[in-house]
PDB file of N, CA and C in Angstrom:
ATOM      1  N   MET A   1       1.724  -0.193 -17.645  1.00  0.00           N
ATOM      2  CA  MET A   1       2.581  -0.854 -16.642  1.00  0.00           C
ATOM      3  C   MET A   1       4.079   0.043 -17.139  1.00  0.00           C
ATOM      4  N   HIS A   2       4.707   0.529 -16.708  1.00  0.00           N
ATOM      5  CA  HIS A   2       6.085   0.902 -17.060  1.00  0.00           C
ATOM      6  C   HIS A   2       7.036  -0.241 -16.127  1.00  0.00           C
ATOM      7  N   THR A   3       8.018  -0.116 -17.282  1.00  0.00           N
ATOM      8  CA  THR A   3       9.472  -1.162 -16.534  1.00  0.00           C
ATOM      9  C   THR A   3      10.505  -0.354 -16.180  1.00  0.00           C
ATOM     10  N   SER A   4      11.313  -0.627 -15.672  1.00  0.00           N
ATOM     11  CA  SER A   4      12.791   0.008 -15.334  1.00  0.00           C
ATOM     12  C   SER A   4      13.536   0.274 -16.595  1.00  0.00           C
ATOM     13  N   ALA A   5      13.045  -0.396 -17.506  1.00  0.00           N
ATOM     14  CA  ALA A   5      13.439   0.066 -18.879  1.00  0.00           C
ATOM     15  C   ALA A   5      12.608   0.837 -19.737  1.00  0.00           C
ATOM     16  N   GLN A   6      11.563   1.644 -19.379  1.00  0.00           N
ATOM     17  CA  GLN A   6      11.024   2.833 -19.714  1.00  0.00           C
ATOM     18  C   GLN A   6      11.083   3.742 -18.898  1.00  0.00           C
ATOM     19  N   ALA A   7      11.360   4.715 -19.662  1.00  0.00           N
ATOM     20  CA  ALA A   7      11.386   6.370 -19.040  1.00  0.00           C
ATOM     21  C   ALA A   7      10.021   6.884 -18.961  1.00  0.00           C
ATOM     22  N   MET A   8       9.703   7.533 -17.724  1.00  0.00           N
ATOM     23  CA  MET A   8       8.784   8.035 -17.263  1.00  0.00           C
ATOM     24  C   MET A   8       8.697   9.299 -17.581  1.00  0.00           C
ATOM     25  N   PRO A   9       7.500   9.793 -17.682  1.00  0.00           N
ATOM     26  CA  PRO A   9       7.647  11.760 -17.959  1.00  0.00           C
ATOM     27  C   PRO A   9       8.353  12.290 -16.741  1.00  0.00           C
ATOM     28  N   THR A  10       8.948  13.610 -17.189  1.00  0.00           N
ATOM     29  CA  THR A  10       9.604  14.090 -15.822  1.00  0.00           C
ATOM     30  C   THR A  10       8.406  14.923 -15.466  1.00  0.00           C
ATOM     31  N   ILE A  11       8.358  15.064 -13.992  1.00  0.00           N
ATOM     32  CA  ILE A  11       7.134  15.779 -13.235  1.00  0.00           C
ATOM     33  C   ILE A  11       7.779  16.960 -12.702  1.00  0.00           C
ATOM     34  N   SER A  12       7.263  17.786 -12.105  1.00  0.00           N
ATOM     35  CA  SER A  12       7.780  19.199 -10.850  1.00  0.00           C
ATOM     36  C   SER A  12       7.873  18.085  -9.558  1.00  0.00           C
ATOM     37  N   TRP A  13       8.634  19.091  -9.014  1.00  0.00           N
ATOM     38  CA  TRP A  13       9.023  18.928  -7.528  1.00  0.00           C
ATOM     39  C   TRP A  13       7.210  19.147  -6.893  1.00  0.00           C
ATOM     40  N   GLN A  14       6.845  19.979  -7.291  1.00  0.00           N
ATOM     41  CA  GLN A  14       5.522  20.459  -6.756  1.00  0.00           C
ATOM     42  C   GLN A  14       4.811  18.929  -6.836  1.00  0.00           C
ATOM     43  N   HIS A  15       4.865  18.375  -8.292  1.00  0.00           N
ATOM     44  CA  HIS A  15       3.757  17.081  -8.076  1.00  0.00           C
ATOM     45  C   HIS A  15       4.344  16.290  -7.260  1.00  0.00           C
ATOM     46  N   PHE A  16       5.348  16.051  -7.274  1.00  0.00           N
ATOM     47  CA  PHE A  16       5.958  15.126  -6.706  1.00  0.00           C
ATOM     48  C   PHE A  16       5.782  15.378  -4.696  1.00  0.00           C
ATOM     49  N   GLU A  17       5.551  16.575  -4.313  1.00  0.00           N
ATOM     50  CA  GLU A  17       5.078  16.651  -3.260  1.00  0.00           C
ATOM     51  C   GLU A  17       3.755  16.881  -2.885  1.00  0.00           C
ATOM     52  N   GLU A  18       3.143  16.481  -4.118  1.00  0.00           N
ATOM     53  CA  GLU A  18       1.525  16.705  -3.900  1.00  0.00           C
ATOM     54  C   GLU A  18       1.174  14.820  -3.333  1.00  0.00           C
ATOM     55  N   THR A  19       1.700  14.224  -3.773  1.00  0.00           N
ATOM     56  CA  THR A  19       1.796  12.960  -3.624  1.00  0.00           C
ATOM     57  C   THR A  19       2.307  12.524  -2.397  1.00  0.00           C
ATOM     58  N   ASP A  20       0.889  12.162  -1.553  1.00  0.00           N
ATOM     59  CA  ASP A  20       1.303  11.696   0.026  1.00  0.00           C
ATOM     60  C   ASP A  20       1.288  10.523   0.011  1.00  0.00           C
ATOM     61  N   ILE A  21       2.685  10.209   0.302  1.00  0.00           N
ATOM     62  CA  ILE A  21       3.066   8.595   0.567  1.00  0.00           C
ATOM     63  C   ILE A  21       3.470   8.502   1.988  1.00  0.00           C
ATOM     64  N   ARG A  22       2.510   7.688   2.788  1.00  0.00           N
ATOM     65  CA  ARG A  22       2.890   7.822   4.242  1.00  0.00           C
ATOM     66  C   ARG A  22       3.517   6.267   4.789  1.00  0.00           C
ATOM     67  N   VAL A  23       4.114   6.151   5.889  1.00  0.00           N
ATOM     68  CA  VAL A  23       4.113   4.916   6.116  1.00  0.00           C
ATOM     69  C   VAL A  23       2.975   4.459   7.675  1.00  0.00           C
ATOM     70  N   GLY A  24       2.758   3.097   7.524  1.00  0.00           N
ATOM     71  CA  GLY A  24       1.527   3.005   8.536  1.00  0.00           C
ATOM     72  C   GLY A  24       2.010   1.229   8.889  1.00  0.00           C
ATOM     73  N   THR A  25       1.359   1.147   9.750  1.00  0.00           N
ATOM     74  CA  THR A  25       1.780  -0.302  10.383  1.00  0.00           C
ATOM     75  C   THR A  25       0.375  -0.828   9.588  1.00  0.00           C
ATOM     76  N   ILE A  26       0.269  -2.018   9.815  1.00  0.00           N
ATOM     77  CA  ILE A  26      -0.836  -3.499   9.327  1.00  0.00           C
ATOM     78  C   ILE A  26      -1.085  -3.794  10.854  1.00  0.00           C
ATOM     79  N   VAL A  27      -2.463  -3.230  10.763  1.00  0.00           N
ATOM     80  CA  VAL A  27      -2.842  -3.722  12.225  1.00  0.00           C
ATOM     81  C   VAL A  27      -3.990  -5.204  12.449  1.00  0.00           C
ATOM     82  N   GLU A  28      -4.128  -5.560  10.971  1.00  0.00           N
ATOM     83  CA  GLU A  28      -5.093  -6.533  11.199  1.00  0.00           C
ATOM     84  C   GLU A  28      -5.421  -6.795   9.581  1.00  0.00           C
ATOM     85  N   ALA A  29      -5.150  -8.020   9.098  1.00  0.00           N
ATOM     86  CA  ALA A  29      -5.376  -8.325   7.468  1.00  0.00           C
ATOM     87  C   ALA A  29      -6.583  -9.809   7.692  1.00  0.00           C
ATOM     88  N   THR A  30      -7.229  -9.636   6.633  1.00  0.00           N
ATOM     89  CA  THR A  30      -8.234 -10.608   6.656  1.00  0.00           C
ATOM     90  C   THR A  30      -7.998 -11.257   4.908  1.00  0.00           C
ATOM     91  N   GLU A  31      -9.139 -12.366   5.007  1.00  0.00           N
ATOM     92  CA  GLU A  31      -9.342 -12.814   3.778  1.00  0.00           C
ATOM     93  C   GLU A  31     -10.422 -11.795   2.855  1.00  0.00           C
ATOM     94  N   PHE A  32      -9.843 -11.912   1.338  1.00  0.00           N
ATOM     95  CA  PHE A  32     -11.199 -11.064   0.643  1.00  0.00           C
ATOM     96  C   PHE A  32     -11.216 -11.979  -0.208  1.00  0.00           C
ATOM     97  N   PRO A  33     -12.338 -13.335   0.141  1.00  0.00           N
ATOM     98  CA  PRO A  33     -12.977 -13.914  -1.098  1.00  0.00           C
ATOM     99  C   PRO A  33     -13.633 -13.526  -2.145  1.00  0.00           C
ATOM    100  N   GLU A  34     -14.206 -12.009  -1.929  1.00  0.00           N
ATOM    101  CA  GLU A  34     -15.052 -11.339  -2.948  1.00  0.00           C
ATOM    102  C   GLU A  34     -14.039 -10.961  -4.215  1.00  0.00           C
ATOM    103  N   ALA A  35     -12.980 -10.667  -3.992  1.00  0.00           N
ATOM    104  CA  ALA A  35     -11.717  -9.686  -4.985  1.00  0.00           C
ATOM    105  C   ALA A  35     -11.604 -10.973  -5.848  1.00  0.00           C
ATOM    106  N   ARG A  36     -12.049 -10.009  -7.219  1.00  0.00           N
ATOM    107  CA  ARG A  36     -11.633 -10.928  -8.673  1.00  0.00           C
ATOM    108  C   ARG A  36     -10.234 -11.202  -8.559  1.00  0.00           C
ATOM    109  N   LYS A  37      -8.968 -10.875  -8.021  1.00  0.00           N
ATOM    110  CA  LYS A  37      -7.732 -11.453  -8.031  1.00  0.00           C
ATOM    111  C   LYS A  37      -7.627 -11.667  -6.505  1.00  0.00           C
ATOM    112  N   PRO A  38      -6.693 -12.332  -6.283  1.00  0.00           N
ATOM    113  CA  PRO A  38      -6.401 -12.561  -4.777  1.00  0.00           C
ATOM    114  C   PRO A  38      -5.877 -11.586  -3.925  1.00  0.00           C
ATOM    115  N   ALA A  39      -6.596 -11.363  -3.214  1.00  0.00           N
ATOM    116  CA  ALA A  39      -5.920  -9.990  -2.239  1.00  0.00           C
ATOM    117  C   ALA A  39      -6.428 -10.278  -0.823  1.00  0.00           C
ATOM    118  N   TYR A  40      -5.937  -9.412  -0.090  1.00  0.00           N
ATOM    119  CA  TYR A  40      -6.180  -9.607   1.353  1.00  0.00           C
ATOM    120  C   TYR A  40      -7.025  -7.933   1.821  1.00  0.00           C
ATOM    121  N   LYS A  41      -7.751  -8.299   2.904  1.00  0.00           N
ATOM    122  CA  LYS A  41      -8.371  -6.324   3.317  1.00  0.00           C
ATOM    123  C   LYS A  41      -7.201  -6.426   4.439  1.00  0.00           C
ATOM    124  N   LEU A  42      -6.649  -5.101   4.366  1.00  0.00           N
ATOM    125  CA  LEU A  42      -5.700  -4.555   5.492  1.00  0.00           C
ATOM    126  C   LEU A  42      -6.588  -3.520   5.999  1.00  0.00           C
ATOM    127  N   LEU A  43      -6.216  -3.240   7.472  1.00  0.00           N
ATOM    128  CA  LEU A  43      -6.187  -2.194   8.066  1.00  0.00           C
ATOM    129  C   LEU A  43      -5.441  -1.729   8.518  1.00  0.00           C
ATOM    130  N   VAL A  44      -4.659  -0.227   8.372  1.00  0.00           N
ATOM    131  CA  VAL A  44      -3.661   0.088   8.445  1.00  0.00           C
ATOM    132  C   VAL A  44      -3.444   1.493   9.348  1.00  0.00           C
ATOM    133  N   ASP A  45      -2.523   1.159  10.326  1.00  0.00           N
ATOM    134  CA  ASP A  45      -2.428   2.469  11.549  1.00  0.00           C
ATOM    135  C   ASP A  45      -1.486   3.552  10.966  1.00  0.00           C
ATOM    136  N   LEU A  46      -2.359   4.560  10.300  1.00  0.00           N
ATOM    137  CA  LEU A  46      -1.476   5.629   9.750  1.00  0.00           C
ATOM    138  C   LEU A  46      -1.228   6.588  10.911  1.00  0.00           C
ATOM    139  N   GLY A  47      -1.188   6.886  12.104  1.00  0.00           N
ATOM    140  CA  GLY A  47      -0.921   7.805  13.166  1.00  0.00           C
ATOM    141  C   GLY A  47      -1.892   8.620  13.103  1.00  0.00           C
ATOM    142  N   PRO A  48      -1.266   9.833  12.895  1.00  0.00           N
ATOM    143  CA  PRO A  48      -2.598  11.345  12.940  1.00  0.00           C
ATOM    144  C   PRO A  48      -3.563  11.251  12.174  1.00  0.00           C
ATOM    145  N   LEU A  49      -3.274  10.386  10.874  1.00  0.00           N
ATOM    146  CA  LEU A  49      -4.223  10.164   9.851  1.00  0.00           C
ATOM    147  C   LEU A  49      -5.211   9.413  10.176  1.00  0.00           C
ATOM    148  N   GLY A  50      -5.139   8.514  11.250  1.00  0.00           N
ATOM    149  CA  GLY A  50      -6.019   7.122  11.744  1.00  0.00           C
ATOM    150  C   GLY A  50      -5.973   5.739  10.907  1.00  0.00           C
ATOM    151  N   LEU A  51      -6.926   5.205  11.378  1.00  0.00           N
ATOM    152  CA  LEU A  51      -6.892   3.795  10.911  1.00  0.00           C
ATOM    153  C   LEU A  51      -7.515   3.621   9.259  1.00  0.00           C
ATOM    154  N   LYS A  52      -6.913   3.019   8.693  1.00  0.00           N
ATOM    155  CA  LYS A  52      -7.045   3.293   7.132  1.00  0.00           C
ATOM    156  C   LYS A  52      -7.640   2.285   6.466  1.00  0.00           C
ATOM    157  N   ARG A  53      -8.638   1.838   5.344  1.00  0.00           N
ATOM    158  CA  ARG A  53      -8.630   0.399   4.938  1.00  0.00           C
ATOM    159  C   ARG A  53      -7.616   0.558   3.345  1.00  0.00           C
ATOM    160  N   SER A  54      -7.246  -0.517   3.042  1.00  0.00           N
ATOM    161  CA  SER A  54      -7.156  -1.188   1.696  1.00  0.00           C
ATOM    162  C   SER A  54      -7.085  -2.766   1.339  1.00  0.00           C
ATOM    163  N   SER A  55      -7.388  -2.703   0.302  1.00  0.00           N
ATOM    164  CA  SER A  55      -7.066  -4.332  -0.810  1.00  0.00           C
ATOM    165  C   SER A  55      -5.705  -3.813  -1.318  1.00  0.00           C
ATOM    166  N   ALA A  56      -5.044  -5.430  -1.295  1.00  0.00           N
ATOM    167  CA  ALA A  56      -3.693  -5.488  -1.331  1.00  0.00           C
ATOM    168  C   ALA A  56      -3.618  -6.885  -2.113  1.00  0.00           C
ATOM    169  N   GLN A  57      -3.363  -7.071  -3.071  1.00  0.00           N
ATOM    170  CA  GLN A  57      -2.995  -8.347  -3.864  1.00  0.00           C
ATOM    171  C   GLN A  57      -1.506  -8.757  -3.630  1.00  0.00           C
ATOM    172  N   ILE A  58      -1.545  -9.268  -2.576  1.00  0.00           N
ATOM    173  CA  ILE A  58       0.059  -9.457  -1.907  1.00  0.00           C
ATOM    174  C   ILE A  58       0.038 -11.150  -1.135  1.00  0.00           C
ATOM    175  N   THR A  59      -1.242 -11.871  -2.056  1.00  0.00           N
ATOM    176  CA  THR A  59      -0.989 -13.174  -1.334  1.00  0.00           C
ATOM    177  C   THR A  59      -0.104 -14.096  -1.452  1.00  0.00           C
ATOM    178  N   LYS A  60       0.591 -13.843  -2.724  1.00  0.00           N
ATOM    179  CA  LYS A  60       1.553 -14.990  -3.121  1.00  0.00           C
ATOM    180  C   LYS A  60       3.058 -15.080  -2.418  1.00  0.00           C
ATOM    181  N   HIS A  61       3.495 -13.676  -1.489  1.00  0.00           N
ATOM    182  CA  HIS A  61       4.111 -13.521  -0.826  1.00  0.00           C
ATOM    183  C   HIS A  61       4.264 -13.398   0.621  1.00  0.00           C
ATOM    184  N   TYR A  62       2.954 -13.382   1.327  1.00  0.00           N
ATOM    185  CA  TYR A  62       2.598 -13.029   2.734  1.00  0.00           C
ATOM    186  C   TYR A  62       1.421 -13.573   2.939  1.00  0.00           C
ATOM    187  N   THR A  63       1.534 -14.296   4.209  1.00  0.00           N
ATOM    188  CA  THR A  63      -0.069 -15.212   4.995  1.00  0.00           C
ATOM    189  C   THR A  63      -0.572 -13.792   5.474  1.00  0.00           C
ATOM    190  N   LEU A  64      -1.347 -13.926   5.810  1.00  0.00           N
ATOM    191  CA  LEU A  64      -2.865 -13.237   6.765  1.00  0.00           C
ATOM    192  C   LEU A  64      -1.793 -12.970   8.755  1.00  0.00           C
ATOM    193  N   ASP A  65      -1.048 -14.054   8.889  1.00  0.00           N
ATOM    194  CA  ASP A  65      -0.576 -14.330  10.254  1.00  0.00           C
ATOM    195  C   ASP A  65       0.917 -13.333   9.810  1.00  0.00           C
ATOM    196  N   GLU A  66       1.522 -13.304   9.157  1.00  0.00           N
ATOM    197  CA  GLU A  66       2.612 -12.263   9.371  1.00  0.00           C
ATOM    198  C   GLU A  66       2.261 -10.998   8.981  1.00  0.00           C
ATOM    199  N   LEU A  67       1.692 -10.634   8.416  1.00  0.00           N
ATOM    200  CA  LEU A  67       1.014  -9.002   7.904  1.00  0.00           C
ATOM    201  C   LEU A  67       0.688  -8.264   9.395  1.00  0.00           C
ATOM    202  N   PRO A  68       0.122  -8.471  10.273  1.00  0.00           N
ATOM    203  CA  PRO A  68       0.140  -7.341  11.216  1.00  0.00           C
ATOM    204  C   PRO A  68       1.562  -6.854  11.796  1.00  0.00           C
ATOM    205  N   GLY A  69       1.934  -5.568  11.764  1.00  0.00           N
ATOM    206  CA  GLY A  69       2.939  -5.152  12.573  1.00  0.00           C
ATOM    207  C   GLY A  69       4.127  -5.009  11.798  1.00  0.00           C
ATOM    208  N   LYS A  70       3.548  -5.060  10.031  1.00  0.00           N
ATOM    209  CA  LYS A  70       4.636  -4.976   9.298  1.00  0.00           C
ATOM    210  C   LYS A  70       4.429  -3.324   8.675  1.00  0.00           C
ATOM    211  N   GLN A  71       5.065  -2.776   8.822  1.00  0.00           N
ATOM    212  CA  GLN A  71       5.199  -1.021   8.126  1.00  0.00           C
ATOM    213  C   GLN A  71       5.174  -1.113   6.748  1.00  0.00           C
ATOM    214  N   VAL A  72       4.311  -0.258   6.039  1.00  0.00           N
ATOM    215  CA  VAL A  72       4.258  -0.241   4.686  1.00  0.00           C
ATOM    216  C   VAL A  72       4.239   0.865   4.359  1.00  0.00           C
ATOM    217  N   LEU A  73       4.693   1.223   2.767  1.00  0.00           N
ATOM    218  CA  LEU A  73       4.089   2.732   2.581  1.00  0.00           C
ATOM    219  C   LEU A  73       2.628   2.684   1.824  1.00  0.00           C
ATOM    220  N   CYS A  74       1.982   3.750   2.161  1.00  0.00           N
ATOM    221  CA  CYS A  74       0.798   3.803   1.684  1.00  0.00           C
ATOM    222  C   CYS A  74       0.584   5.553   0.645  1.00  0.00           C
ATOM    223  N   VAL A  75      -0.118   5.246  -0.171  1.00  0.00           N
ATOM    224  CA  VAL A  75      -0.331   6.923  -0.730  1.00  0.00           C
ATOM    225  C   VAL A  75      -1.646   6.998  -0.391  1.00  0.00           C
ATOM    226  N   THR A  76      -1.540   8.332   0.223  1.00  0.00           N
ATOM    227  CA  THR A  76      -2.892   8.373   1.269  1.00  0.00           C
ATOM    228  C   THR A  76      -3.880   9.364   0.676  1.00  0.00           C
ATOM    229  N   ASN A  77      -3.711   9.861  -0.253  1.00  0.00           N
ATOM    230  CA  ASN A  77      -4.418  11.099  -1.096  1.00  0.00           C
ATOM    231  C   ASN A  77      -4.665  10.732  -2.736  1.00  0.00           C
ATOM    232  N   LEU A  78      -5.099   9.501  -2.661  1.00  0.00           N
ATOM    233  CA  LEU A  78      -5.714   9.047  -4.361  1.00  0.00           C
ATOM    234  C   LEU A  78      -7.369   9.235  -4.332  1.00  0.00           C
ATOM    235  N   GLY A  79      -7.849   9.145  -2.842  1.00  0.00           N
ATOM    236  CA  GLY A  79      -9.259   9.063  -2.698  1.00  0.00           C
ATOM    237  C   GLY A  79      -9.628   7.635  -2.617  1.00  0.00           C
ATOM    238  N   ASN A  80     -11.107   7.244  -2.275  1.00  0.00           N
ATOM    239  CA  ASN A  80     -11.052   6.184  -2.250  1.00  0.00           C
ATOM    240  C   ASN A  80     -11.697   5.279  -3.510  1.00  0.00           C
ATOM    241  N   LYS A  81     -11.424   3.987  -3.255  1.00  0.00           N
ATOM    242  CA  LYS A  81     -11.827   3.174  -4.333  1.00  0.00           C
ATOM    243  C   LYS A  81     -12.633   2.077  -3.771  1.00  0.00           C
ATOM    244  N   GLN A  82     -13.905   1.748  -4.975  1.00  0.00           N
ATOM    245  CA  GLN A  82     -14.454   0.682  -4.389  1.00  0.00           C
ATOM    246  C   GLN A  82     -14.389  -0.384  -5.299  1.00  0.00           C
ATOM    247  N   ILE A  83     -14.043  -1.463  -4.142  1.00  0.00           N
ATOM    248  CA  ILE A  83     -13.617  -2.900  -4.800  1.00  0.00           C
ATOM    249  C   ILE A  83     -14.545  -4.049  -4.401  1.00  0.00           C
ATOM    250  N   GLY A  84     -15.281  -3.990  -5.085  1.00  0.00           N
ATOM    251  CA  GLY A  84     -16.612  -5.088  -5.055  1.00  0.00           C
ATOM    252  C   GLY A  84     -17.362  -3.969  -3.983  1.00  0.00           C
ATOM    253  N   LYS A  85     -17.540  -4.992  -2.484  1.00  0.00           N
ATOM    254  CA  LYS A  85     -18.347  -4.021  -1.713  1.00  0.00           C
ATOM    255  C   LYS A  85     -17.097  -3.749  -0.655  1.00  0.00           C
ATOM    256  N   TYR A  86     -16.063  -3.333  -0.669  1.00  0.00           N
ATOM    257  CA  TYR A  86     -15.135  -3.097   0.076  1.00  0.00           C
ATOM    258  C   TYR A  86     -14.870  -1.795  -0.459  1.00  0.00           C
ATOM    259  N   MET A  87     -14.772  -0.652   0.593  1.00  0.00           N
ATOM    260  CA  MET A  87     -14.212   0.679   0.110  1.00  0.00           C
ATOM    261  C   MET A  87     -13.003   0.649   0.443  1.00  0.00           C
ATOM    262  N   SER A  88     -11.862   0.614  -0.521  1.00  0.00           N
ATOM    263  CA  SER A  88     -10.418   0.930  -0.122  1.00  0.00           C
ATOM    264  C   SER A  88     -10.120   2.570  -0.241  1.00  0.00           C
ATOM    265  N   GLU A  89      -9.259   2.773   1.069  1.00  0.00           N
ATOM    266  CA  GLU A  89      -9.441   4.409   1.580  1.00  0.00           C
ATOM    267  C   GLU A  89      -7.658   4.624   1.195  1.00  0.00           C
ATOM    268  N   VAL A  90      -6.596   3.682   0.942  1.00  0.00           N
ATOM    269  CA  VAL A  90      -5.407   4.284   0.907  1.00  0.00           C
ATOM    270  C   VAL A  90      -4.480   2.594  -0.236  1.00  0.00           C
ATOM    271  N   LEU A  91      -3.458   3.310  -0.643  1.00  0.00           N
ATOM    272  CA  LEU A  91      -3.068   2.320  -1.829  1.00  0.00           C
ATOM    273  C   LEU A  91      -2.155   1.858  -1.099  1.00  0.00           C
ATOM    274  N   VAL A  92      -1.943   0.732  -0.288  1.00  0.00           N
ATOM    275  CA  VAL A  92      -0.431   0.013  -0.278  1.00  0.00           C
ATOM    276  C   VAL A  92       0.140   0.008  -1.436  1.00  0.00           C
ATOM    277  N   THR A  93       1.511   0.184  -1.098  1.00  0.00           N
ATOM    278  CA  THR A  93       2.719   0.338  -2.591  1.00  0.00           C
ATOM    279  C   THR A  93       3.503  -1.059  -2.549  1.00  0.00           C
ATOM    280  N   GLY A  94       4.093  -1.623  -3.428  1.00  0.00           N
ATOM    281  CA  GLY A  94       4.822  -2.638  -3.398  1.00  0.00           C
ATOM    282  C   GLY A  94       5.661  -2.823  -4.923  1.00  0.00           C
ATOM    283  N   PHE A  95       6.106  -3.714  -4.832  1.00  0.00           N
ATOM    284  CA  PHE A  95       7.150  -3.563  -6.386  1.00  0.00           C
ATOM    285  C   PHE A  95       6.678  -5.041  -7.217  1.00  0.00           C
ATOM    286  N   ALA A  96       6.385  -5.319  -8.223  1.00  0.00           N
ATOM    287  CA  ALA A  96       6.590  -6.459  -9.065  1.00  0.00           C
ATOM    288  C   ALA A  96       7.560  -7.276  -9.319  1.00  0.00           C
ATOM    289  N   ASP A  97       7.652  -8.646  -8.375  1.00  0.00           N
ATOM    290  CA  ASP A  97       8.606  -9.595  -8.846  1.00  0.00           C
ATOM    291  C   ASP A  97       8.579  -9.845 -10.307  1.00  0.00           C
ATOM    292  N   GLU A  98       9.520 -10.904 -10.424  1.00  0.00           N
ATOM    293  CA  GLU A  98       9.878 -11.571 -11.385  1.00  0.00           C
ATOM    294  C   GLU A  98       8.587 -12.359 -12.380  1.00  0.00           C
ATOM    295  N   ASN A  99       7.696 -12.469 -11.245  1.00  0.00           N
ATOM    296  CA  ASN A  99       6.360 -13.204 -11.642  1.00  0.00           C
ATOM    297  C   ASN A  99       5.143 -12.488 -11.571  1.00  0.00           C
ATOM    298  N   GLY A 100       5.268 -11.068 -11.277  1.00  0.00           N
ATOM    299  CA  GLY A 100       4.108  -9.999 -11.366  1.00  0.00           C
ATOM    300  C   GLY A 100       3.872 -10.052 -10.282  1.00  0.00           C
ATOM    301  N   ASP A 101       4.065 -11.056  -9.420  1.00  0.00           N
ATOM    302  CA  ASP A 101       3.462 -11.136  -7.613  1.00  0.00           C
ATOM    303  C   ASP A 101       4.244  -9.928  -6.842  1.00  0.00           C
ATOM    304  N   ILE A 102       3.246  -9.194  -6.137  1.00  0.00           N
ATOM    305  CA  ILE A 102       3.563  -7.968  -5.423  1.00  0.00           C
ATOM    306  C   ILE A 102       4.443  -8.068  -4.093  1.00  0.00           C
ATOM    307  N   VAL A 103       5.434  -7.445  -3.961  1.00  0.00           N
ATOM    308  CA  VAL A 103       6.540  -7.740  -2.624  1.00  0.00           C
ATOM    309  C   VAL A 103       6.301  -6.237  -2.302  1.00  0.00           C
ATOM    310  N   LEU A 104       5.695  -5.965  -0.780  1.00  0.00           N
ATOM    311  CA  LEU A 104       5.459  -4.274  -0.571  1.00  0.00           C
ATOM    312  C   LEU A 104       6.610  -3.607  -0.183  1.00  0.00           C
ATOM    313  N   ALA A 105       6.360  -2.461  -0.377  1.00  0.00           N
ATOM    314  CA  ALA A 105       7.462  -1.380   0.103  1.00  0.00           C
ATOM    315  C   ALA A 105       7.339  -0.875   1.147  1.00  0.00           C
ATOM    316  N   GLN A 106       8.644  -1.110   2.024  1.00  0.00           N
ATOM    317  CA  GLN A 106       8.643  -0.982   3.652  1.00  0.00           C
ATOM    318  C   GLN A 106      10.086  -0.329   3.707  1.00  0.00           C
ATOM    319  N   PRO A 107       9.553   0.266   4.924  1.00  0.00           N
ATOM    320  CA  PRO A 107      11.145   1.361   5.322  1.00  0.00           C
ATOM    321  C   PRO A 107      12.155   0.461   5.718  1.00  0.00           C
ATOM    322  N   ALA A 108      13.379   0.939   5.727  1.00  0.00           N
ATOM    323  CA  ALA A 108      14.458   0.083   5.866  1.00  0.00           C
ATOM    324  C   ALA A 108      14.302  -0.318   7.685  1.00  0.00           C
ATOM    325  N   GLY A 109      13.618   0.902   8.512  1.00  0.00           N
ATOM    326  CA  GLY A 109      13.852   0.863   9.564  1.00  0.00           C
ATOM    327  C   GLY A 109      12.322   1.222  10.247  1.00  0.00           C
ATOM    328  N   PRO A 110      12.593   0.938  11.695  1.00  0.00           N
ATOM    329  CA  PRO A 110      10.986   1.192  12.312  1.00  0.00           C
ATOM    330  C   PRO A 110      10.837   2.941  12.234  1.00  0.00           C
ATOM    331  N   VAL A 111       9.422   3.486  11.782  1.00  0.00           N
ATOM    332  CA  VAL A 111       9.508   5.334  11.661  1.00  0.00           C
ATOM    333  C   VAL A 111       7.928   4.962  11.947  1.00  0.00           C
ATOM    334  N   PRO A 112       7.892   6.542  12.889  1.00  0.00           N
ATOM    335  CA  PRO A 112       6.677   6.743  13.474  1.00  0.00           C
ATOM    336  C   PRO A 112       5.084   6.787  12.317  1.00  0.00           C
ATOM    337  N   ASN A 113       4.086   5.831  12.628  1.00  0.00           N
ATOM    338  CA  ASN A 113       3.245   5.796  11.836  1.00  0.00           C
ATOM    339  C   ASN A 113       2.734   7.058  11.625  1.00  0.00           C
ATOM    340  N   GLY A 114       2.267   7.301  10.084  1.00  0.00           N
ATOM    341  CA  GLY A 114       2.436   8.831   9.409  1.00  0.00           C
ATOM    342  C   GLY A 114       3.190   9.270   8.771  1.00  0.00           C
ATOM    343  N   SER A 115       4.543   9.025   9.189  1.00  0.00           N
ATOM    344  CA  SER A 115       5.662  10.057   8.485  1.00  0.00           C
ATOM    345  C   SER A 115       5.383   9.983   6.974  1.00  0.00           C
ATOM    346  N   LYS A 116       5.629  11.061   6.590  1.00  0.00           N
ATOM    347  CA  LYS A 116       5.549  11.107   5.320  1.00  0.00           C
ATOM    348  C   LYS A 116       6.646  10.881   4.271  1.00  0.00           C
ATOM    349  N   LEU A 117       6.716  10.394   3.116  1.00  0.00           N
ATOM    350  CA  LEU A 117       8.470  10.056   2.459  1.00  0.00           C
ATOM    351  C   LEU A 117       8.192  11.342   1.821  1.00  0.00           C
ATOM    352  N   ILE A 118       9.794  11.757   2.042  1.00  0.00           N
ATOM    353  CA  ILE A 118      10.307  12.785   1.579  1.00  0.00           C
ATOM    354  C   ILE A 118      11.440  12.558   0.849  1.00  0.00           C
TER     355      ILE A 118
END
């Protein structure tokens, strides 16, 4: 894992543009008891990209009841990832706090679902 003290390699503008990061709204959050690390199953509305599933290790900062309606930043072009019996279709992004627990990356204000990070 890279921290802010470690420099990341420089990438080209083209590589950045190839990373498809879009905003979506969480429409459903459920328990994921089969996950090795505590996590939730999320259903995210990405507008024109449709509803996508994701597994997120965000149980320390969020309850199931408060997640629906939150907008989050998702990487949409990493491909599917099998997590146990669950297929995650997008990566919901966040930042590790001082304890390593994840805080969701969110836009500062409401934007249309499916909007691309530019």
